[in-house]
Amino acid sequence: MRYLNIVIAASGEIWAIEEVKLREISHFLALKSLSDEPGHEVEARVGPGQRRAQQPTDAPGSIAVLPVYGVLAQRMNMMIDFSGGTSMQMLANDLRAALADPKIKAIILDIDSPGGTVSGTQELGQEIFDSRGSKPIVAMINSMAASAAYWLACQCDEIVVTPSGQAGSIGVYTVHENLAKMLDAKGIDTTLISAGKYKTEGNPYGPLGEEAAAAIQARVNQSYSAFVGAVARGRGISRATVAANYGQGRMFGAAELVDRGMANRIATLPQTLEAYGASIHPVATASTRRAFAAAAIREMHQNLASVMEALKVRR
């Protein structure tokens, strides 16, 4: 049952994510929700976790390269057990550290993400936008910036896309999972006891009613309006231009992104670094150390469980 809470949480979120990616995750979690098998398969669907930030040296004039990989979420609390995706809270901390470091002259967000939750994206996007002018902040699409990832990219001073890159998917949506038949097949009968007319509205234990659907649609519309507004602000254009030229949910390749005004130029990450007089040299950041520590703790727990199981067998 350990996946079931993740299914319910995912269904309650409004997502700014590539539709295929969320459908893949949602279907997988639904199938696994009554299973106790290991969750390493989820990481393959979510994407690699927030692992390393990079800068060339500790010398003055360094370039901070902050990775933005996999599914984005405010704290990654839904997927943290599987080390998947990027925590926007941790990314914000690394951004602030880079902005405060006098040795760092520019910041590059190295983006390869299908997007993520609206929660956290709006706030981080605003923080990136408000940081303009202190140091150059460059969004490097390497090789995908879909939905929430593009939302963040638009808040940077410049958007650079690698030749094989793609970006866009400006839109939001949510998912309602009706788990009634699946639970019924397992002999699980769920009864909701609540107070407040709308408290259990949209729950996953039955079909979605018209009134609940309308309320959810209103929330989706609000989030979409915030997304379009953020893109317009970040790119210095009107909402009408976003609606007319930015695809309304479609993805585009590098050349078309530049033609549509959705990116400034085409270049690889090494070329972008070279333009700032730098080359990559990986170093650990606070988020890196936390990720490695969490992985070590999980490995320790797994090893301890194996030892305990072996002792039981011997007895």
C-alpha atoms as a PDB file:
ATOM      1  CA  MET A   1       0.000   0.000   0.000  1.00  0.00           C
ATOM      2  CA  ARG A   2       2.992   2.349   0.181  1.00  0.00           C
ATOM      3  CA  TYR A   3       2.380   3.713  -3.336  1.00  0.00           C
ATOM      4  CA  LEU A   4      -1.276   4.510  -2.687  1.00  0.00           C
ATOM      5  CA  ASN A   5      -0.593   7.739  -0.785  1.00  0.00           C
ATOM      6  CA  ILE A   6       1.641   8.884  -3.640  1.00  0.00           C
ATOM      7  CA  VAL A   7      -1.157   8.213  -6.132  1.00  0.00           C
ATOM      8  CA  ILE A   8      -3.592  10.256  -4.030  1.00  0.00           C
ATOM      9  CA  ALA A   9      -1.096  13.092  -3.559  1.00  0.00           C
ATOM     10  CA  ALA A  10      -0.277  13.187  -7.280  1.00  0.00           C
ATOM     11  CA  SER A  11      -3.987  13.314  -8.118  1.00  0.00           C
ATOM     12  CA  GLY A  12      -4.426  16.335  -5.863  1.00  0.00           C
ATOM     13  CA  GLU A  13      -1.640  18.362  -7.454  1.00  0.00           C
ATOM     14  CA  ILE A  14      -1.877  20.738 -10.383  1.00  0.00           C
ATOM     15  CA  TRP A  15       0.983  19.904 -12.722  1.00  0.00           C
ATOM     16  CA  ALA A  16       2.973  21.908 -15.211  1.00  0.00           C
ATOM     17  CA  ILE A  17       4.556  18.864 -16.793  1.00  0.00           C
ATOM     18  CA  GLU A  18       4.790  17.127 -20.133  1.00  0.00           C
ATOM     19  CA  GLU A  19       1.569  15.100 -20.438  1.00  0.00           C
ATOM     20  CA  VAL A  20       3.270  11.866 -21.477  1.00  0.00           C
ATOM     21  CA  LYS A  21       5.572  11.953 -18.449  1.00  0.00           C
ATOM     22  CA  LEU A  22       2.804  12.427 -15.891  1.00  0.00           C
ATOM     23  CA  ARG A  23       0.643   9.789 -17.583  1.00  0.00           C
ATOM     24  CA  GLU A  24       3.543   7.340 -17.401  1.00  0.00           C
ATOM     25  CA  ILE A  25       4.191   8.053 -13.734  1.00  0.00           C
ATOM     26  CA  SER A  26       0.489   8.019 -12.849  1.00  0.00           C
ATOM     27  CA  HIS A  27      -0.208   4.704 -14.565  1.00  0.00           C
ATOM     28  CA  PHE A  28       2.866   3.111 -13.053  1.00  0.00           C
ATOM     29  CA  LEU A  29       1.984   4.232  -9.536  1.00  0.00           C
ATOM     30  CA  ALA A  30      -1.598   3.044  -9.940  1.00  0.00           C
ATOM     31  CA  LEU A  31      -0.378  -0.425 -10.927  1.00  0.00           C
ATOM     32  CA  LYS A  32       2.124  -0.509  -8.073  1.00  0.00           C
ATOM     33  CA  SER A  33      -0.109   0.994  -5.392  1.00  0.00           C
ATOM     34  CA  LEU A  34      -0.947  -2.381  -3.876  1.00  0.00           C
ATOM     35  CA  SER A  35       2.532  -3.835  -4.288  1.00  0.00           C
ATOM     36  CA  ASP A  36       5.465  -3.974  -1.880  1.00  0.00           C
ATOM     37  CA  GLU A  37       8.122  -4.398  -4.574  1.00  0.00           C
ATOM     38  CA  PRO A  38      11.153  -2.054  -4.618  1.00  0.00           C
ATOM     39  CA  GLY A  39      10.644   1.397  -6.133  1.00  0.00           C
ATOM     40  CA  HIS A  40      13.800   1.770  -8.226  1.00  0.00           C
ATOM     41  CA  GLU A  41      11.642   1.678 -11.353  1.00  0.00           C
ATOM     42  CA  VAL A  42      10.134   5.034 -10.355  1.00  0.00           C
ATOM     43  CA  GLU A  43      13.481   6.797 -10.640  1.00  0.00           C
ATOM     44  CA  ALA A  44      13.704   5.768 -14.298  1.00  0.00           C
ATOM     45  CA  ARG A  45      10.349   7.436 -14.907  1.00  0.00           C
ATOM     46  CA  VAL A  46      10.874  10.480 -12.709  1.00  0.00           C
ATOM     47  CA  GLY A  47      14.416  11.175 -13.825  1.00  0.00           C
ATOM     48  CA  PRO A  48      17.721  11.330 -11.970  1.00  0.00           C
ATOM     49  CA  GLY A  49      17.785  13.205  -8.709  1.00  0.00           C
ATOM     50  CA  GLN A  50      19.405  16.510  -7.890  1.00  0.00           C
ATOM     51  CA  ARG A  51      22.991  15.283  -7.702  1.00  0.00           C
ATOM     52  CA  ARG A  52      25.707  17.816  -8.507  1.00  0.00           C
ATOM     53  CA  ALA A  53      26.182  21.521  -8.959  1.00  0.00           C
ATOM     54  CA  GLN A  54      29.261  22.574 -10.871  1.00  0.00           C
ATOM     55  CA  GLN A  55      31.674  25.478 -11.090  1.00  0.00           C
ATOM     56  CA  PRO A  56      35.167  25.616 -12.595  1.00  0.00           C
ATOM     57  CA  THR A  57      37.270  26.566  -9.559  1.00  0.00           C
ATOM     58  CA  ASP A  58      37.100  28.539  -6.340  1.00  0.00           C
ATOM     59  CA  ALA A  59      38.934  31.395  -8.065  1.00  0.00           C
ATOM     60  CA  PRO A  60      37.265  34.741  -8.770  1.00  0.00           C
ATOM     61  CA  GLY A  61      35.260  34.724 -11.990  1.00  0.00           C
ATOM     62  CA  SER A  62      33.843  31.225 -11.591  1.00  0.00           C
ATOM     63  CA  ILE A  63      30.612  30.131 -13.263  1.00  0.00           C
ATOM     64  CA  ALA A  64      28.094  28.255 -11.106  1.00  0.00           C
ATOM     65  CA  VAL A  65      26.228  25.526 -13.007  1.00  0.00           C
ATOM     66  CA  LEU A  66      23.090  24.430 -11.142  1.00  0.00           C
ATOM     67  CA  PRO A  67      21.452  21.185 -12.361  1.00  0.00           C
ATOM     68  CA  VAL A  68      17.694  21.176 -12.940  1.00  0.00           C
ATOM     69  CA  TYR A  69      17.031  17.533 -13.794  1.00  0.00           C
ATOM     70  CA  GLY A  70      13.976  15.269 -13.810  1.00  0.00           C
ATOM     71  CA  VAL A  71      10.559  16.040 -12.332  1.00  0.00           C
ATOM     72  CA  LEU A  72      10.399  19.306 -10.358  1.00  0.00           C
ATOM     73  CA  ALA A  73       8.571  19.588  -7.049  1.00  0.00           C
ATOM     74  CA  GLN A  74       8.674  22.034  -4.187  1.00  0.00           C
ATOM     75  CA  ARG A  75      10.254  19.639  -1.688  1.00  0.00           C
ATOM     76  CA  MET A  76      10.138  16.320  -3.585  1.00  0.00           C
ATOM     77  CA  ASN A  77       8.310  14.856  -0.561  1.00  0.00           C
ATOM     78  CA  MET A  78       6.259  12.545  -2.794  1.00  0.00           C
ATOM     79  CA  MET A  79       9.249  10.998  -4.556  1.00  0.00           C
ATOM     80  CA  ILE A  80      12.109  11.489  -2.115  1.00  0.00           C
ATOM     81  CA  ASP A  81      12.293   7.759  -1.338  1.00  0.00           C
ATOM     82  CA  PHE A  82      13.281   7.134  -4.927  1.00  0.00           C
ATOM     83  CA  SER A  83      15.818  10.005  -5.231  1.00  0.00           C
ATOM     84  CA  GLY A  84      14.038  11.247  -8.332  1.00  0.00           C
ATOM     85  CA  GLY A  85      13.766  14.755  -9.680  1.00  0.00           C
ATOM     86  CA  THR A  86      14.785  18.159  -8.351  1.00  0.00           C
ATOM     87  CA  SER A  87      13.677  19.890  -5.172  1.00  0.00           C
ATOM     88  CA  MET A  88      12.924  23.517  -5.992  1.00  0.00           C
ATOM     89  CA  GLN A  89      13.566  24.385  -2.358  1.00  0.00           C
ATOM     90  CA  MET A  90      17.104  22.982  -2.603  1.00  0.00           C
ATOM     91  CA  LEU A  91      17.601  24.623  -5.989  1.00  0.00           C
ATOM     92  CA  ALA A  92      16.583  27.973  -4.490  1.00  0.00           C
ATOM     93  CA  ASN A  93      19.135  27.501  -1.701  1.00  0.00           C
ATOM     94  CA  ASP A  94      21.902  26.798  -4.228  1.00  0.00           C
ATOM     95  CA  LEU A  95      20.827  29.817  -6.294  1.00  0.00           C
ATOM     96  CA  ARG A  96      21.006  32.097  -3.255  1.00  0.00           C
ATOM     97  CA  ALA A  97      24.430  30.724  -2.341  1.00  0.00           C
ATOM     98  CA  ALA A  98      25.729  31.363  -5.868  1.00  0.00           C
ATOM     99  CA  LEU A  99      24.302  34.882  -5.875  1.00  0.00           C
ATOM    100  CA  ALA A 100      25.926  35.629  -2.523  1.00  0.00           C
ATOM    101  CA  ASP A 101      29.333  34.196  -3.466  1.00  0.00           C
ATOM    102  CA  PRO A 102      31.576  37.056  -4.661  1.00  0.00           C
ATOM    103  CA  LYS A 103      33.821  34.602  -6.568  1.00  0.00           C
ATOM    104  CA  ILE A 104      30.948  33.602  -8.888  1.00  0.00           C
ATOM    105  CA  LYS A 105      30.374  35.989 -11.794  1.00  0.00           C
ATOM    106  CA  ALA A 106      27.496  34.159 -13.566  1.00  0.00           C
ATOM    107  CA  ILE A 107      24.976  31.380 -12.963  1.00  0.00           C
ATOM    108  CA  ILE A 108      23.806  28.752 -15.457  1.00  0.00           C
ATOM    109  CA  LEU A 109      20.740  26.594 -14.868  1.00  0.00           C
ATOM    110  CA  ASP A 110      21.518  23.317 -16.669  1.00  0.00           C
ATOM    111  CA  ILE A 111      17.976  22.161 -17.491  1.00  0.00           C
ATOM    112  CA  ASP A 112      16.846  18.706 -18.567  1.00  0.00           C
ATOM    113  CA  SER A 113      13.345  18.321 -17.180  1.00  0.00           C
ATOM    114  CA  PRO A 114       9.795  17.423 -18.298  1.00  0.00           C
ATOM    115  CA  GLY A 115       8.395  19.885 -15.742  1.00  0.00           C
ATOM    116  CA  GLY A 116       6.671  19.267 -12.439  1.00  0.00           C
ATOM    117  CA  THR A 117       4.237  20.744  -9.937  1.00  0.00           C
ATOM    118  CA  VAL A 118       2.894  24.273 -10.072  1.00  0.00           C
ATOM    119  CA  SER A 119       3.442  24.434  -6.312  1.00  0.00           C
ATOM    120  CA  GLY A 120       6.858  25.966  -5.787  1.00  0.00           C
ATOM    121  CA  THR A 121       7.427  26.876  -9.433  1.00  0.00           C
ATOM    122  CA  GLN A 122       5.709  30.239  -9.237  1.00  0.00           C
ATOM    123  CA  GLU A 123       7.687  31.248  -6.147  1.00  0.00           C
ATOM    124  CA  LEU A 124      11.068  30.064  -7.456  1.00  0.00           C
ATOM    125  CA  GLY A 125      10.396  31.695 -10.816  1.00  0.00           C
ATOM    126  CA  GLN A 126       9.675  35.003  -9.088  1.00  0.00           C
ATOM    127  CA  GLU A 127      12.900  34.699  -7.089  1.00  0.00           C
ATOM    128  CA  ILE A 128      14.942  34.061 -10.237  1.00  0.00           C
ATOM    129  CA  PHE A 129      13.322  37.022 -11.986  1.00  0.00           C
ATOM    130  CA  ASP A 130      13.903  39.311  -8.998  1.00  0.00           C
ATOM    131  CA  SER A 131      17.585  38.281  -8.979  1.00  0.00           C
ATOM    132  CA  ARG A 132      18.181  39.658 -12.461  1.00  0.00           C
ATOM    133  CA  GLY A 133      20.730  42.422 -12.580  1.00  0.00           C
ATOM    134  CA  SER A 134      22.883  41.149  -9.720  1.00  0.00           C
ATOM    135  CA  LYS A 135      24.649  38.552 -11.891  1.00  0.00           C
ATOM    136  CA  PRO A 136      23.895  37.075 -15.322  1.00  0.00           C
ATOM    137  CA  ILE A 137      21.520  34.114 -14.940  1.00  0.00           C
ATOM    138  CA  VAL A 138      21.359  31.860 -18.002  1.00  0.00           C
ATOM    139  CA  ALA A 139      18.904  29.036 -18.683  1.00  0.00           C
ATOM    140  CA  MET A 140      20.706  26.269 -20.598  1.00  0.00           C
ATOM    141  CA  ILE A 141      18.156  23.889 -22.155  1.00  0.00           C
ATOM    142  CA  ASN A 142      20.201  20.713 -22.223  1.00  0.00           C
ATOM    143  CA  SER A 143      18.205  19.003 -23.625  1.00  0.00           C
ATOM    144  CA  MET A 144      14.590  19.533 -22.419  1.00  0.00           C
ATOM    145  CA  ALA A 145      12.708  22.315 -20.666  1.00  0.00           C
ATOM    146  CA  ALA A 146       9.042  21.404 -20.676  1.00  0.00           C
ATOM    147  CA  SER A 147       6.256  23.155 -18.806  1.00  0.00           C
ATOM    148  CA  ALA A 148       7.409  24.084 -15.252  1.00  0.00           C
ATOM    149  CA  ALA A 149      11.034  23.813 -16.401  1.00  0.00           C
ATOM    150  CA  TYR A 150      10.355  26.322 -19.179  1.00  0.00           C
ATOM    151  CA  TRP A 151       8.468  28.492 -16.668  1.00  0.00           C
ATOM    152  CA  LEU A 152      11.722  28.749 -14.688  1.00  0.00           C
ATOM    153  CA  ALA A 153      13.858  29.181 -17.804  1.00  0.00           C
ATOM    154  CA  CYS A 154      11.830  32.222 -18.868  1.00  0.00           C
ATOM    155  CA  GLN A 155      12.725  34.016 -15.641  1.00  0.00           C
ATOM    156  CA  CYS A 156      16.445  34.001 -16.505  1.00  0.00           C
ATOM    157  CA  ASP A 157      18.246  36.789 -18.338  1.00  0.00           C
ATOM    158  CA  GLU A 158      18.806  34.562 -21.357  1.00  0.00           C
ATOM    159  CA  ILE A 159      17.634  31.197 -22.701  1.00  0.00           C
ATOM    160  CA  VAL A 160      20.172  29.107 -24.604  1.00  0.00           C
ATOM    161  CA  VAL A 161      19.142  25.799 -26.188  1.00  0.00           C
ATOM    162  CA  THR A 162      21.453  22.988 -27.259  1.00  0.00           C
ATOM    163  CA  PRO A 163      21.100  22.026 -30.973  1.00  0.00           C
ATOM    164  CA  SER A 164      19.094  18.866 -30.187  1.00  0.00           C
ATOM    165  CA  GLY A 165      17.112  20.530 -27.394  1.00  0.00           C
ATOM    166  CA  GLN A 166      13.380  21.061 -27.103  1.00  0.00           C
ATOM    167  CA  ALA A 167      11.172  23.223 -24.926  1.00  0.00           C
ATOM    168  CA  GLY A 168       7.665  24.579 -24.454  1.00  0.00           C
ATOM    169  CA  SER A 169       4.610  22.663 -23.236  1.00  0.00           C
ATOM    170  CA  ILE A 170       3.087  25.802 -21.737  1.00  0.00           C
ATOM    171  CA  GLY A 171       0.019  24.515 -19.955  1.00  0.00           C
ATOM    172  CA  VAL A 172      -1.186  22.929 -16.727  1.00  0.00           C
ATOM    173  CA  TYR A 173      -3.481  20.092 -15.774  1.00  0.00           C
ATOM    174  CA  THR A 174      -4.369  17.691 -13.039  1.00  0.00           C
ATOM    175  CA  VAL A 175      -5.480  14.070 -12.929  1.00  0.00           C
ATOM    176  CA  HIS A 176      -8.365  12.392 -11.158  1.00  0.00           C
ATOM    177  CA  GLU A 177      -7.773   8.698 -10.529  1.00  0.00           C
ATOM    178  CA  ASN A 178     -10.834   6.567  -9.791  1.00  0.00           C
ATOM    179  CA  LEU A 179      -9.356   3.695  -7.783  1.00  0.00           C
ATOM    180  CA  ALA A 180     -12.678   2.146  -6.792  1.00  0.00           C
ATOM    181  CA  LYS A 181     -12.509  -0.898  -9.091  1.00  0.00           C
ATOM    182  CA  MET A 182      -8.881  -1.603  -8.266  1.00  0.00           C
ATOM    183  CA  LEU A 183      -9.524  -1.461  -4.537  1.00  0.00           C
ATOM    184  CA  ASP A 184     -12.682  -3.507  -4.900  1.00  0.00           C
ATOM    185  CA  ALA A 185     -10.734  -6.227  -6.703  1.00  0.00           C
ATOM    186  CA  LYS A 186      -8.448  -6.385  -3.661  1.00  0.00           C
ATOM    187  CA  GLY A 187     -11.356  -6.579  -1.253  1.00  0.00           C
ATOM    188  CA  ILE A 188     -10.836  -3.063   0.100  1.00  0.00           C
ATOM    189  CA  ASP A 189     -13.984  -1.056   0.847  1.00  0.00           C
ATOM    190  CA  THR A 190     -13.312   2.621   1.632  1.00  0.00           C
ATOM    191  CA  THR A 191     -15.719   4.814   3.603  1.00  0.00           C
ATOM    192  CA  LEU A 192     -15.101   8.555   3.893  1.00  0.00           C
ATOM    193  CA  ILE A 193     -16.367  10.271   7.037  1.00  0.00           C
ATOM    194  CA  SER A 194     -16.156  14.041   6.776  1.00  0.00           C
ATOM    195  CA  ALA A 195     -17.586  17.414   7.722  1.00  0.00           C
ATOM    196  CA  GLY A 196     -17.875  20.257   5.245  1.00  0.00           C
ATOM    197  CA  LYS A 197     -19.784  19.995   1.994  1.00  0.00           C
ATOM    198  CA  TYR A 198     -16.732  19.927  -0.261  1.00  0.00           C
ATOM    199  CA  LYS A 199     -14.181  18.356   2.093  1.00  0.00           C
ATOM    200  CA  THR A 200     -13.925  15.062   0.180  1.00  0.00           C
ATOM    201  CA  GLU A 201     -14.678  16.556  -3.230  1.00  0.00           C
ATOM    202  CA  GLY A 202     -12.651  14.884  -5.965  1.00  0.00           C
ATOM    203  CA  ASN A 203     -11.588  11.927  -3.845  1.00  0.00           C
ATOM    204  CA  PRO A 204     -10.112   8.935  -5.729  1.00  0.00           C
ATOM    205  CA  TYR A 205     -12.588   6.358  -4.401  1.00  0.00           C
ATOM    206  CA  GLY A 206     -15.296   7.045  -6.963  1.00  0.00           C
ATOM    207  CA  PRO A 207     -16.167   8.967 -10.159  1.00  0.00           C
ATOM    208  CA  LEU A 208     -15.635  12.713 -10.423  1.00  0.00           C
ATOM    209  CA  GLY A 209     -18.869  14.703 -10.221  1.00  0.00           C
ATOM    210  CA  GLU A 210     -19.687  17.713 -12.413  1.00  0.00           C
ATOM    211  CA  GLU A 211     -19.503  20.231  -9.574  1.00  0.00           C
ATOM    212  CA  ALA A 212     -16.128  18.899  -8.432  1.00  0.00           C
ATOM    213  CA  ALA A 213     -14.832  18.912 -12.005  1.00  0.00           C
ATOM    214  CA  ALA A 214     -15.847  22.558 -12.412  1.00  0.00           C
ATOM    215  CA  ALA A 215     -14.052  23.541  -9.193  1.00  0.00           C
ATOM    216  CA  ILE A 216     -10.894  21.733 -10.266  1.00  0.00           C
ATOM    217  CA  GLN A 217     -11.072  23.327 -13.722  1.00  0.00           C
ATOM    218  CA  ALA A 218     -11.199  26.757 -12.077  1.00  0.00           C
ATOM    219  CA  ARG A 219      -7.977  25.986 -10.162  1.00  0.00           C
ATOM    220  CA  VAL A 220      -6.316  24.755 -13.350  1.00  0.00           C
ATOM    221  CA  ASN A 221      -7.341  27.951 -15.165  1.00  0.00           C
ATOM    222  CA  GLN A 222      -5.849  30.093 -12.401  1.00  0.00           C
ATOM    223  CA  SER A 223      -2.548  28.229 -12.557  1.00  0.00           C
ATOM    224  CA  TYR A 224      -2.439  28.479 -16.351  1.00  0.00           C
ATOM    225  CA  SER A 225      -3.036  32.227 -16.157  1.00  0.00           C
ATOM    226  CA  ALA A 226      -0.128  32.536 -13.703  1.00  0.00           C
ATOM    227  CA  PHE A 227       2.084  30.460 -16.046  1.00  0.00           C
ATOM    228  CA  VAL A 228       1.294  32.600 -19.100  1.00  0.00           C
ATOM    229  CA  GLY A 229       1.803  35.772 -17.085  1.00  0.00           C
ATOM    230  CA  ALA A 230       5.197  34.590 -15.829  1.00  0.00           C
ATOM    231  CA  VAL A 231       6.355  33.691 -19.351  1.00  0.00           C
ATOM    232  CA  ALA A 232       5.204  37.072 -20.664  1.00  0.00           C
ATOM    233  CA  ARG A 233       6.983  38.908 -17.837  1.00  0.00           C
ATOM    234  CA  GLY A 234      10.180  36.910 -18.156  1.00  0.00           C
ATOM    235  CA  ARG A 235      10.442  37.258 -21.917  1.00  0.00           C
ATOM    236  CA  GLY A 236       9.306  40.873 -21.974  1.00  0.00           C
ATOM    237  CA  ILE A 237       6.293  40.236 -24.205  1.00  0.00           C
ATOM    238  CA  SER A 238       2.512  40.376 -23.952  1.00  0.00           C
ATOM    239  CA  ARG A 239       0.183  37.579 -22.894  1.00  0.00           C
ATOM    240  CA  ALA A 240      -1.294  37.715 -26.395  1.00  0.00           C
ATOM    241  CA  THR A 241       2.133  36.972 -27.888  1.00  0.00           C
ATOM    242  CA  VAL A 242       2.533  33.971 -25.577  1.00  0.00           C
ATOM    243  CA  ALA A 243      -0.877  32.685 -26.683  1.00  0.00           C
ATOM    244  CA  ALA A 244      -0.169  33.279 -30.387  1.00  0.00           C
ATOM    245  CA  ASN A 245       3.483  32.192 -30.714  1.00  0.00           C
ATOM    246  CA  TYR A 246       4.413  29.947 -27.806  1.00  0.00           C
ATOM    247  CA  GLY A 247       2.488  26.818 -28.744  1.00  0.00           C
ATOM    248  CA  GLN A 248      -0.259  26.550 -26.085  1.00  0.00           C
ATOM    249  CA  GLY A 249       1.113  23.255 -24.835  1.00  0.00           C
ATOM    250  CA  ARG A 250       3.224  22.139 -27.790  1.00  0.00           C
ATOM    251  CA  MET A 251       6.971  21.482 -27.739  1.00  0.00           C
ATOM    252  CA  PHE A 252       9.426  22.888 -30.293  1.00  0.00           C
ATOM    253  CA  GLY A 253      12.963  22.124 -31.396  1.00  0.00           C
ATOM    254  CA  ALA A 254      15.924  24.469 -31.083  1.00  0.00           C
ATOM    255  CA  ALA A 255      15.615  26.374 -34.376  1.00  0.00           C
ATOM    256  CA  GLU A 256      11.886  26.968 -34.003  1.00  0.00           C
ATOM    257  CA  LEU A 257      12.304  28.060 -30.398  1.00  0.00           C
ATOM    258  CA  VAL A 258      14.624  30.826 -31.553  1.00  0.00           C
ATOM    259  CA  ASP A 259      12.358  31.735 -34.484  1.00  0.00           C
ATOM    260  CA  ARG A 260       9.357  32.039 -32.141  1.00  0.00           C
ATOM    261  CA  GLY A 261      11.274  34.105 -29.606  1.00  0.00           C
ATOM    262  CA  MET A 262      11.107  31.341 -27.013  1.00  0.00           C
ATOM    263  CA  ALA A 263      14.912  31.109 -26.813  1.00  0.00           C
ATOM    264  CA  ASN A 264      17.694  33.595 -27.524  1.00  0.00           C
ATOM    265  CA  ARG A 265      20.264  31.436 -29.253  1.00  0.00           C
ATOM    266  CA  ILE A 266      21.500  27.911 -29.979  1.00  0.00           C
ATOM    267  CA  ALA A 267      24.674  26.654 -28.297  1.00  0.00           C
ATOM    268  CA  THR A 268      25.945  23.717 -26.275  1.00  0.00           C
ATOM    269  CA  LEU A 269      26.761  23.907 -22.574  1.00  0.00           C
ATOM    270  CA  PRO A 270      30.543  23.904 -23.217  1.00  0.00           C
ATOM    271  CA  GLN A 271      30.101  26.705 -25.768  1.00  0.00           C
ATOM    272  CA  THR A 272      28.039  28.696 -23.285  1.00  0.00           C
ATOM    273  CA  LEU A 273      30.637  28.189 -20.592  1.00  0.00           C
ATOM    274  CA  GLU A 274      33.382  29.178 -23.021  1.00  0.00           C
ATOM    275  CA  ALA A 275      31.506  32.392 -23.787  1.00  0.00           C
ATOM    276  CA  TYR A 276      31.917  33.251 -20.103  1.00  0.00           C
ATOM    277  CA  GLY A 277      35.540  32.098 -20.049  1.00  0.00           C
ATOM    278  CA  ALA A 278      34.956  28.952 -18.018  1.00  0.00           C
ATOM    279  CA  SER A 279      34.975  25.161 -18.236  1.00  0.00           C
ATOM    280  CA  ILE A 280      33.229  22.557 -16.104  1.00  0.00           C
ATOM    281  CA  HIS A 281      34.753  21.258 -12.906  1.00  0.00           C
ATOM    282  CA  PRO A 282      32.250  19.486 -10.603  1.00  0.00           C
ATOM    283  CA  VAL A 283      32.138  20.409  -6.929  1.00  0.00           C
ATOM    284  CA  ALA A 284      29.793  19.358  -4.164  1.00  0.00           C
ATOM    285  CA  THR A 285      27.107  21.741  -2.924  1.00  0.00           C
ATOM    286  CA  ALA A 286      24.861  21.471   0.103  1.00  0.00           C
ATOM    287  CA  SER A 287      22.171  19.729  -1.978  1.00  0.00           C
ATOM    288  CA  THR A 288      24.766  17.281  -3.324  1.00  0.00           C
ATOM    289  CA  ARG A 289      25.941  16.389   0.162  1.00  0.00           C
ATOM    290  CA  ARG A 290      22.366  15.909   1.374  1.00  0.00           C
ATOM    291  CA  ALA A 291      21.560  13.654  -1.578  1.00  0.00           C
ATOM    292  CA  PHE A 292      24.672  11.540  -1.028  1.00  0.00           C
ATOM    293  CA  ALA A 293      23.992  11.339   2.728  1.00  0.00           C
ATOM    294  CA  ALA A 294      20.403  10.226   2.128  1.00  0.00           C
ATOM    295  CA  ALA A 295      21.592   7.565  -0.324  1.00  0.00           C
ATOM    296  CA  ALA A 296      24.152   6.322   2.218  1.00  0.00           C
ATOM    297  CA  ILE A 297      21.498   6.093   4.946  1.00  0.00           C
ATOM    298  CA  ARG A 298      19.161   4.141   2.664  1.00  0.00           C
ATOM    299  CA  GLU A 299      21.972   1.771   1.750  1.00  0.00           C
ATOM    300  CA  MET A 300      22.813   1.306   5.434  1.00  0.00           C
ATOM    301  CA  HIS A 301      19.188   0.472   6.240  1.00  0.00           C
ATOM    302  CA  GLN A 302      19.041  -2.016   3.381  1.00  0.00           C
ATOM    303  CA  ASN A 303      22.241  -3.696   4.537  1.00  0.00           C
ATOM    304  CA  LEU A 304      20.959  -3.843   8.128  1.00  0.00           C
ATOM    305  CA  ALA A 305      17.708  -5.414   6.961  1.00  0.00           C
ATOM    306  CA  SER A 306      19.660  -8.038   5.014  1.00  0.00           C
ATOM    307  CA  VAL A 307      21.749  -8.880   8.071  1.00  0.00           C
ATOM    308  CA  MET A 308      18.673  -9.188  10.276  1.00  0.00           C
ATOM    309  CA  GLU A 309      17.000 -11.427   7.719  1.00  0.00           C
ATOM    310  CA  ALA A 310      20.108 -13.632   7.602  1.00  0.00           C
ATOM    311  CA  LEU A 311      20.105 -13.920  11.383  1.00  0.00           C
ATOM    312  CA  LYS A 312      16.483 -15.049  11.338  1.00  0.00           C
ATOM    313  CA  VAL A 313      17.336 -17.765   8.833  1.00  0.00           C
ATOM    314  CA  ARG A 314      20.204 -19.016  10.985  1.00  0.00           C
ATOM    315  CA  ARG A 315      17.945 -19.260  14.022  1.00  0.00           C
END
